Each structure stands twice: as C-alpha cells, then as structure tokens.
Amino acid sequence: MLLPAAKTLVEKEEHLSACVRKLDIRFPAVVDGMDNKVELDYSGWPTRQYLIGKDGKIVYKGGPGPAGLKPPELEQAIQDLLKR
C-alpha cells in the first residue's frame, strides 16, 4: 500500500486503519507520534536481505524493505547456491 505522508495525527490514524483492514493485520498496531520518535529509535533502514557465498562475495542482494523483501527470491538464490 502506498499512502501519502500524513500531515496530522488523525491522518496517521486513518492510514493505520486502512492498512489494518486492507492487509488483514491481526496483531495490535499503534501509531507513532508526528515526531516519528519510535520509528527513528527502532528502525533499521535500509532493510535488505543478503546471501553471502562461501567466498565472502554477495550472491543475492534484495531491494530495500519492506517492499524489496522477497523471500521467494532469496529462497531461489539459496537453492541456486546449493547447486554450485
């Protein structure tokens, strides 16, 4: 889901509600304040999946998350690596 950046806390809450419904989220979800303090304190951007070969070289590098996290692609890269 792509949503414009919220300009108010009410908009953030509306975005959360839309995401919970559309993505069928079944765990508690909360809204960060407008200062994004929790996101800034706990985010690990950019999230990526890497697979490193025995030679120390990158065999697979996923895109930045969360949209770039594609477990099936990583699984395929692992299978390909195991065939070598």
PDB file of N, CA and C in Angstrom:
ATOM      1  N   MET A   1       0.837  -1.179   0.000  1.00  0.00           N
ATOM      2  CA  MET A   1       0.000   0.000   0.000  1.00  0.00           C
ATOM      3  C   MET A   1       0.876   1.234   0.000  1.00  0.00           C
ATOM      4  N   LEU A   2       0.562   2.152  -0.862  1.00  0.00           N
ATOM      5  CA  LEU A   2       1.269   3.427  -0.877  1.00  0.00           C
ATOM      6  C   LEU A   2       0.292   4.504  -0.448  1.00  0.00           C
ATOM      7  N   LEU A   3       0.679   5.222   0.572  1.00  0.00           N
ATOM      8  CA  LEU A   3      -0.147   6.312   1.094  1.00  0.00           C
ATOM      9  C   LEU A   3       0.700   7.574   1.172  1.00  0.00           C
ATOM     10  N   PRO A   4       0.080   8.724   0.970  1.00  0.00           N
ATOM     11  CA  PRO A   4       0.853   9.959   1.118  1.00  0.00           C
ATOM     12  C   PRO A   4       1.248  10.143   2.581  1.00  0.00           C
ATOM     13  N   ALA A   5       2.306  10.875   2.803  1.00  0.00           N
ATOM     14  CA  ALA A   5       2.739  11.150   4.175  1.00  0.00           C
ATOM     15  C   ALA A   5       1.630  11.880   4.922  1.00  0.00           C
ATOM     16  N   ALA A   6       1.340  11.388   6.105  1.00  0.00           N
ATOM     17  CA  ALA A   6       0.300  12.013   6.924  1.00  0.00           C
ATOM     18  C   ALA A   6       0.781  13.373   7.427  1.00  0.00           C
ATOM     19  N   LYS A   7      -0.123  14.320   7.415  1.00  0.00           N
ATOM     20  CA  LYS A   7       0.207  15.669   7.898  1.00  0.00           C
ATOM     21  C   LYS A   7      -0.296  15.912   9.314  1.00  0.00           C
ATOM     22  N   THR A   8      -1.184  15.033   9.782  1.00  0.00           N
ATOM     23  CA  THR A   8      -1.732  15.168  11.138  1.00  0.00           C
ATOM     24  C   THR A   8      -1.792  13.793  11.784  1.00  0.00           C
ATOM     25  N   LEU A   9      -1.947  13.785  13.095  1.00  0.00           N
ATOM     26  CA  LEU A   9      -2.087  12.523  13.809  1.00  0.00           C
ATOM     27  C   LEU A   9      -3.374  11.814  13.389  1.00  0.00           C
ATOM     28  N   VAL A  10      -4.420  12.570  13.122  1.00  0.00           N
ATOM     29  CA  VAL A  10      -5.683  11.976  12.656  1.00  0.00           C
ATOM     30  C   VAL A  10      -5.453  11.251  11.326  1.00  0.00           C
ATOM     31  N   GLU A  11      -4.704  11.854  10.409  1.00  0.00           N
ATOM     32  CA  GLU A  11      -4.403  11.203   9.137  1.00  0.00           C
ATOM     33  C   GLU A  11      -3.587   9.921   9.361  1.00  0.00           C
ATOM     34  N   LYS A  12      -2.637   9.966  10.288  1.00  0.00           N
ATOM     35  CA  LYS A  12      -1.852   8.769  10.599  1.00  0.00           C
ATOM     36  C   LYS A  12      -2.769   7.652  11.089  1.00  0.00           C
ATOM     37  N   GLU A  13      -3.721   8.000  11.942  1.00  0.00           N
ATOM     38  CA  GLU A  13      -4.658   7.004  12.464  1.00  0.00           C
ATOM     39  C   GLU A  13      -5.535   6.445  11.349  1.00  0.00           C
ATOM     40  N   GLU A  14      -5.945   7.303  10.415  1.00  0.00           N
ATOM     41  CA  GLU A  14      -6.740   6.845   9.267  1.00  0.00           C
ATOM     42  C   GLU A  14      -5.925   5.896   8.393  1.00  0.00           C
ATOM     43  N   HIS A  15      -4.654   6.221   8.177  1.00  0.00           N
ATOM     44  CA  HIS A  15      -3.780   5.353   7.393  1.00  0.00           C
ATOM     45  C   HIS A  15      -3.633   3.995   8.074  1.00  0.00           C
ATOM     46  N   LEU A  16      -3.456   4.015   9.392  1.00  0.00           N
ATOM     47  CA  LEU A  16      -3.329   2.766  10.133  1.00  0.00           C
ATOM     48  C   LEU A  16      -4.587   1.923   9.955  1.00  0.00           C
ATOM     49  N   SER A  17      -5.731   2.533  10.114  1.00  0.00           N
ATOM     50  CA  SER A  17      -6.993   1.795   9.961  1.00  0.00           C
ATOM     51  C   SER A  17      -7.117   1.185   8.572  1.00  0.00           C
ATOM     52  N   ALA A  18      -6.753   1.948   7.556  1.00  0.00           N
ATOM     53  CA  ALA A  18      -6.827   1.451   6.181  1.00  0.00           C
ATOM     54  C   ALA A  18      -5.873   0.271   5.988  1.00  0.00           C
ATOM     55  N   CYS A  19      -4.664   0.376   6.509  1.00  0.00           N
ATOM     56  CA  CYS A  19      -3.684  -0.703   6.366  1.00  0.00           C
ATOM     57  C   CYS A  19      -4.141  -1.961   7.103  1.00  0.00           C
ATOM     58  N   VAL A  20      -4.641  -1.782   8.307  1.00  0.00           N
ATOM     59  CA  VAL A  20      -5.106  -2.931   9.087  1.00  0.00           C
ATOM     60  C   VAL A  20      -6.207  -3.670   8.329  1.00  0.00           C
ATOM     61  N   ARG A  21      -7.137  -2.917   7.753  1.00  0.00           N
ATOM     62  CA  ARG A  21      -8.227  -3.550   7.001  1.00  0.00           C
ATOM     63  C   ARG A  21      -7.711  -4.205   5.717  1.00  0.00           C
ATOM     64  N   LYS A  22      -6.999  -3.449   4.912  1.00  0.00           N
ATOM     65  CA  LYS A  22      -6.590  -3.932   3.589  1.00  0.00           C
ATOM     66  C   LYS A  22      -5.578  -5.079   3.675  1.00  0.00           C
ATOM     67  N   LEU A  23      -4.665  -5.005   4.631  1.00  0.00           N
ATOM     68  CA  LEU A  23      -3.623  -6.023   4.769  1.00  0.00           C
ATOM     69  C   LEU A  23      -4.021  -7.146   5.726  1.00  0.00           C
ATOM     70  N   ASP A  24      -5.221  -7.039   6.285  1.00  0.00           N
ATOM     71  CA  ASP A  24      -5.749  -8.044   7.207  1.00  0.00           C
ATOM     72  C   ASP A  24      -4.783  -8.301   8.366  1.00  0.00           C
ATOM     73  N   ILE A  25      -4.307  -7.219   8.960  1.00  0.00           N
ATOM     74  CA  ILE A  25      -3.376  -7.309  10.095  1.00  0.00           C
ATOM     75  C   ILE A  25      -4.143  -7.785  11.317  1.00  0.00           C
ATOM     76  N   ARG A  26      -3.623  -8.834  11.951  1.00  0.00           N
ATOM     77  CA  ARG A  26      -4.327  -9.446  13.078  1.00  0.00           C
ATOM     78  C   ARG A  26      -3.545  -9.359  14.386  1.00  0.00           C
ATOM     79  N   PHE A  27      -2.684  -8.378  14.487  1.00  0.00           N
ATOM     80  CA  PHE A  27      -1.936  -8.158  15.717  1.00  0.00           C
ATOM     81  C   PHE A  27      -2.097  -6.693  16.102  1.00  0.00           C
ATOM     82  N   PRO A  28      -1.851  -6.359  17.357  1.00  0.00           N
ATOM     83  CA  PRO A  28      -2.020  -4.966  17.767  1.00  0.00           C
ATOM     84  C   PRO A  28      -1.128  -4.025  16.951  1.00  0.00           C
ATOM     85  N   ALA A  29      -1.686  -2.924  16.538  1.00  0.00           N
ATOM     86  CA  ALA A  29      -0.941  -1.918  15.777  1.00  0.00           C
ATOM     87  C   ALA A  29      -1.127  -0.571  16.452  1.00  0.00           C
ATOM     88  N   VAL A  30      -0.072   0.209  16.493  1.00  0.00           N
ATOM     89  CA  VAL A  30      -0.131   1.516  17.148  1.00  0.00           C
ATOM     90  C   VAL A  30       0.397   2.584  16.196  1.00  0.00           C
ATOM     91  N   VAL A  31       0.082   3.814  16.505  1.00  0.00           N
ATOM     92  CA  VAL A  31       0.502   4.945  15.680  1.00  0.00           C
ATOM     93  C   VAL A  31       1.594   5.710  16.414  1.00  0.00           C
ATOM     94  N   ASP A  32       2.679   5.965  15.724  1.00  0.00           N
ATOM     95  CA  ASP A  32       3.770   6.784  16.254  1.00  0.00           C
ATOM     96  C   ASP A  32       3.317   8.239  16.270  1.00  0.00           C
ATOM     97  N   GLY A  33       3.931   9.056  17.082  1.00  0.00           N
ATOM     98  CA  GLY A  33       3.618  10.486  17.114  1.00  0.00           C
ATOM     99  C   GLY A  33       4.092  11.178  15.844  1.00  0.00           C
ATOM    100  N   MET A  34       3.731  12.404  15.685  1.00  0.00           N
ATOM    101  CA  MET A  34       4.124  13.157  14.493  1.00  0.00           C
ATOM    102  C   MET A  34       5.643  13.365  14.422  1.00  0.00           C
ATOM    103  N   ASP A  35       6.334  13.228  15.549  1.00  0.00           N
ATOM    104  CA  ASP A  35       7.793  13.372  15.554  1.00  0.00           C
ATOM    105  C   ASP A  35       8.501  12.092  15.089  1.00  0.00           C
ATOM    106  N   ASN A  36       7.727  11.009  14.896  1.00  0.00           N
ATOM    107  CA  ASN A  36       8.261   9.710  14.456  1.00  0.00           C
ATOM    108  C   ASN A  36       9.378   9.190  15.354  1.00  0.00           C
ATOM    109  N   LYS A  37       9.316   9.503  16.626  1.00  0.00           N
ATOM    110  CA  LYS A  37      10.375   9.120  17.554  1.00  0.00           C
ATOM    111  C   LYS A  37      10.592   7.611  17.611  1.00  0.00           C
ATOM    112  N   VAL A  38       9.523   6.846  17.676  1.00  0.00           N
ATOM    113  CA  VAL A  38       9.676   5.390  17.766  1.00  0.00           C
ATOM    114  C   VAL A  38      10.317   4.850  16.490  1.00  0.00           C
ATOM    115  N   GLU A  39       9.847   5.312  15.343  1.00  0.00           N
ATOM    116  CA  GLU A  39      10.441   4.871  14.075  1.00  0.00           C
ATOM    117  C   GLU A  39      11.926   5.196  14.027  1.00  0.00           C
ATOM    118  N   LEU A  40      12.287   6.407  14.393  1.00  0.00           N
ATOM    119  CA  LEU A  40      13.687   6.828  14.351  1.00  0.00           C
ATOM    120  C   LEU A  40      14.548   6.034  15.336  1.00  0.00           C
ATOM    121  N   ASP A  41      13.980   5.724  16.507  1.00  0.00           N
ATOM    122  CA  ASP A  41      14.739   4.994  17.519  1.00  0.00           C
ATOM    123  C   ASP A  41      14.916   3.516  17.187  1.00  0.00           C
ATOM    124  N   TYR A  42      13.968   2.929  16.477  1.00  0.00           N
ATOM    125  CA  TYR A  42      13.983   1.479  16.285  1.00  0.00           C
ATOM    126  C   TYR A  42      14.101   1.000  14.841  1.00  0.00           C
ATOM    127  N   SER A  43      14.107   1.887  13.890  1.00  0.00           N
ATOM    128  CA  SER A  43      14.176   1.420  12.502  1.00  0.00           C
ATOM    129  C   SER A  43      15.598   0.998  12.154  1.00  0.00           C
ATOM    130  N   GLY A  44      15.674   0.084  11.210  1.00  0.00           N
ATOM    131  CA  GLY A  44      16.967  -0.393  10.736  1.00  0.00           C
ATOM    132  C   GLY A  44      17.086  -0.151   9.241  1.00  0.00           C
ATOM    133  N   TRP A  45      16.686   0.983   8.782  1.00  0.00           N
ATOM    134  CA  TRP A  45      16.672   1.293   7.362  1.00  0.00           C
ATOM    135  C   TRP A  45      18.077   1.359   6.811  1.00  0.00           C
ATOM    136  N   PRO A  46      18.427   0.934   5.677  1.00  0.00           N
ATOM    137  CA  PRO A  46      17.512   0.208   4.807  1.00  0.00           C
ATOM    138  C   PRO A  46      17.548  -1.282   5.111  1.00  0.00           C
ATOM    139  N   THR A  47      16.409  -1.871   5.281  1.00  0.00           N
ATOM    140  CA  THR A  47      16.303  -3.302   5.499  1.00  0.00           C
ATOM    141  C   THR A  47      16.542  -3.998   4.170  1.00  0.00           C
ATOM    142  N   ARG A  48      17.393  -4.969   4.166  1.00  0.00           N
ATOM    143  CA  ARG A  48      17.663  -5.746   2.953  1.00  0.00           C
ATOM    144  C   ARG A  48      17.971  -7.184   3.346  1.00  0.00           C
ATOM    145  N   GLN A  49      17.778  -8.071   2.398  1.00  0.00           N
ATOM    146  CA  GLN A  49      18.191  -9.456   2.568  1.00  0.00           C
ATOM    147  C   GLN A  49      19.446  -9.666   1.732  1.00  0.00           C
ATOM    148  N   TYR A  50      20.445 -10.265   2.339  1.00  0.00           N
ATOM    149  CA  TYR A  50      21.680 -10.583   1.641  1.00  0.00           C
ATOM    150  C   TYR A  50      21.957 -12.078   1.789  1.00  0.00           C
ATOM    151  N   LEU A  51      22.565 -12.644   0.773  1.00  0.00           N
ATOM    152  CA  LEU A  51      23.073 -14.006   0.849  1.00  0.00           C
ATOM    153  C   LEU A  51      24.548 -13.918   0.470  1.00  0.00           C
ATOM    154  N   ILE A  52      25.390 -14.404   1.355  1.00  0.00           N
ATOM    155  CA  ILE A  52      26.829 -14.338   1.156  1.00  0.00           C
ATOM    156  C   ILE A  52      27.346 -15.746   0.859  1.00  0.00           C
ATOM    157  N   GLY A  53      28.101 -15.888  -0.219  1.00  0.00           N
ATOM    158  CA  GLY A  53      28.673 -17.177  -0.585  1.00  0.00           C
ATOM    159  C   GLY A  53      29.856 -17.531   0.296  1.00  0.00           C
ATOM    160  N   LYS A  54      30.312 -18.767   0.184  1.00  0.00           N
ATOM    161  CA  LYS A  54      31.458 -19.229   0.979  1.00  0.00           C
ATOM    162  C   LYS A  54      32.707 -18.408   0.718  1.00  0.00           C
ATOM    163  N   ASP A  55      32.783 -17.812  -0.477  1.00  0.00           N
ATOM    164  CA  ASP A  55      33.940 -16.995  -0.815  1.00  0.00           C
ATOM    165  C   ASP A  55      33.852 -15.580  -0.257  1.00  0.00           C
ATOM    166  N   GLY A  56      32.749 -15.298   0.465  1.00  0.00           N
ATOM    167  CA  GLY A  56      32.586 -13.983   1.072  1.00  0.00           C
ATOM    168  C   GLY A  56      31.959 -12.945   0.153  1.00  0.00           C
ATOM    169  N   LYS A  57      31.628 -13.343  -1.065  1.00  0.00           N
ATOM    170  CA  LYS A  57      31.016 -12.413  -2.016  1.00  0.00           C
ATOM    171  C   LYS A  57      29.494 -12.467  -1.904  1.00  0.00           C
ATOM    172  N   ILE A  58      28.871 -11.343  -2.200  1.00  0.00           N
ATOM    173  CA  ILE A  58      27.412 -11.269  -2.168  1.00  0.00           C
ATOM    174  C   ILE A  58      26.850 -12.048  -3.354  1.00  0.00           C
ATOM    175  N   VAL A  59      25.999 -13.021  -3.045  1.00  0.00           N
ATOM    176  CA  VAL A  59      25.365 -13.844  -4.065  1.00  0.00           C
ATOM    177  C   VAL A  59      23.992 -13.267  -4.404  1.00  0.00           C
ATOM    178  N   TYR A  60      23.327 -12.721  -3.401  1.00  0.00           N
ATOM    179  CA  TYR A  60      21.995 -12.152  -3.599  1.00  0.00           C
ATOM    180  C   TYR A  60      21.865 -10.910  -2.725  1.00  0.00           C
ATOM    181  N   LYS A  61      21.313  -9.866  -3.312  1.00  0.00           N
ATOM    182  CA  LYS A  61      21.040  -8.633  -2.569  1.00  0.00           C
ATOM    183  C   LYS A  61      19.614  -8.221  -2.918  1.00  0.00           C
ATOM    184  N   GLY A  62      18.732  -8.265  -1.925  1.00  0.00           N
ATOM    185  CA  GLY A  62      17.349  -7.865  -2.142  1.00  0.00           C
ATOM    186  C   GLY A  62      17.229  -6.353  -2.171  1.00  0.00           C
ATOM    187  N   GLY A  63      16.055  -5.897  -2.541  1.00  0.00           N
ATOM    188  CA  GLY A  63      15.791  -4.459  -2.571  1.00  0.00           C
ATOM    189  C   GLY A  63      15.515  -3.927  -1.180  1.00  0.00           C
ATOM    190  N   PRO A  64      15.490  -2.594  -1.029  1.00  0.00           N
ATOM    191  CA  PRO A  64      15.203  -2.034   0.288  1.00  0.00           C
ATOM    192  C   PRO A  64      13.788  -2.387   0.717  1.00  0.00           C
ATOM    193  N   GLY A  65      13.659  -2.709   1.999  1.00  0.00           N
ATOM    194  CA  GLY A  65      12.370  -3.148   2.535  1.00  0.00           C
ATOM    195  C   GLY A  65      11.464  -2.003   2.878  1.00  0.00           C
ATOM    196  N   PRO A  66      10.260  -2.339   3.158  1.00  0.00           N
ATOM    197  CA  PRO A  66       9.748  -3.702   3.186  1.00  0.00           C
ATOM    198  C   PRO A  66       9.357  -4.224   1.804  1.00  0.00           C
ATOM    199  N   ALA A  67       9.104  -3.370   0.845  1.00  0.00           N
ATOM    200  CA  ALA A  67       8.663  -3.832  -0.477  1.00  0.00           C
ATOM    201  C   ALA A  67       9.732  -4.658  -1.177  1.00  0.00           C
ATOM    202  N   GLY A  68      10.989  -4.414  -0.874  1.00  0.00           N
ATOM    203  CA  GLY A  68      12.078  -5.136  -1.525  1.00  0.00           C
ATOM    204  C   GLY A  68      12.391  -6.478  -0.905  1.00  0.00           C
ATOM    205  N   LEU A  69      11.756  -6.790   0.214  1.00  0.00           N
ATOM    206  CA  LEU A  69      11.988  -8.075   0.871  1.00  0.00           C
ATOM    207  C   LEU A  69      11.145  -9.122   0.161  1.00  0.00           C
ATOM    208  N   LYS A  70      11.801 -10.001  -0.575  1.00  0.00           N
ATOM    209  CA  LYS A  70      11.093 -11.007  -1.372  1.00  0.00           C
ATOM    210  C   LYS A  70      11.646 -12.386  -1.029  1.00  0.00           C
ATOM    211  N   PRO A  71      11.112 -12.998   0.032  1.00  0.00           N
ATOM    212  CA  PRO A  71      11.616 -14.298   0.468  1.00  0.00           C
ATOM    213  C   PRO A  71      11.697 -15.353  -0.636  1.00  0.00           C
ATOM    214  N   PRO A  72      10.728 -15.419  -1.575  1.00  0.00           N
ATOM    215  CA  PRO A  72      10.871 -16.433  -2.632  1.00  0.00           C
ATOM    216  C   PRO A  72      12.136 -16.232  -3.477  1.00  0.00           C
ATOM    217  N   GLU A  73      12.514 -14.983  -3.733  1.00  0.00           N
ATOM    218  CA  GLU A  73      13.739 -14.716  -4.494  1.00  0.00           C
ATOM    219  C   GLU A  73      14.967 -15.173  -3.707  1.00  0.00           C
ATOM    220  N   LEU A  74      14.972 -14.886  -2.412  1.00  0.00           N
ATOM    221  CA  LEU A  74      16.091 -15.314  -1.573  1.00  0.00           C
ATOM    222  C   LEU A  74      16.160 -16.832  -1.521  1.00  0.00           C
ATOM    223  N   GLU A  75      15.010 -17.476  -1.384  1.00  0.00           N
ATOM    224  CA  GLU A  75      14.981 -18.936  -1.359  1.00  0.00           C
ATOM    225  C   GLU A  75      15.552 -19.514  -2.658  1.00  0.00           C
ATOM    226  N   GLN A  76      15.194 -18.928  -3.775  1.00  0.00           N
ATOM    227  CA  GLN A  76      15.713 -19.392  -5.066  1.00  0.00           C
ATOM    228  C   GLN A  76      17.227 -19.202  -5.139  1.00  0.00           C
ATOM    229  N   ALA A  77      17.709 -18.070  -4.639  1.00  0.00           N
ATOM    230  CA  ALA A  77      19.147 -17.818  -4.628  1.00  0.00           C
ATOM    231  C   ALA A  77      19.871 -18.846  -3.765  1.00  0.00           C
ATOM    232  N   ILE A  78      19.264 -19.223  -2.647  1.00  0.00           N
ATOM    233  CA  ILE A  78      19.860 -20.253  -1.782  1.00  0.00           C
ATOM    234  C   ILE A  78      19.904 -21.578  -2.524  1.00  0.00           C
ATOM    235  N   GLN A  79      18.793 -21.930  -3.172  1.00  0.00           N
ATOM    236  CA  GLN A  79      18.755 -23.194  -3.923  1.00  0.00           C
ATOM    237  C   GLN A  79      19.812 -23.190  -5.034  1.00  0.00           C
ATOM    238  N   ASP A  80      19.936 -22.060  -5.744  1.00  0.00           N
ATOM    239  CA  ASP A  80      20.938 -21.958  -6.809  1.00  0.00           C
ATOM    240  C   ASP A  80      22.345 -22.110  -6.248  1.00  0.00           C
ATOM    241  N   LEU A  81      22.588 -21.488  -5.106  1.00  0.00           N
ATOM    242  CA  LEU A  81      23.909 -21.570  -4.488  1.00  0.00           C
ATOM    243  C   LEU A  81      24.239 -22.997  -4.066  1.00  0.00           C
ATOM    244  N   LEU A  82      23.256 -23.698  -3.547  1.00  0.00           N
ATOM    245  CA  LEU A  82      23.477 -25.080  -3.106  1.00  0.00           C
ATOM    246  C   LEU A  82      23.775 -26.022  -4.269  1.00  0.00           C
ATOM    247  N   LYS A  83      23.332 -25.649  -5.471  1.00  0.00           N
ATOM    248  CA  LYS A  83      23.582 -26.479  -6.665  1.00  0.00           C
ATOM    249  C   LYS A  83      24.997 -26.310  -7.203  1.00  0.00           C
ATOM    250  N   ARG A  84      25.683 -25.259  -6.784  1.00  0.00           N
ATOM    251  CA  ARG A  84      27.039 -24.987  -7.294  1.00  0.00           C
ATOM    252  C   ARG A  84      28.062 -25.939  -6.725  1.00  0.00           C
TER     253      ARG A  84
END
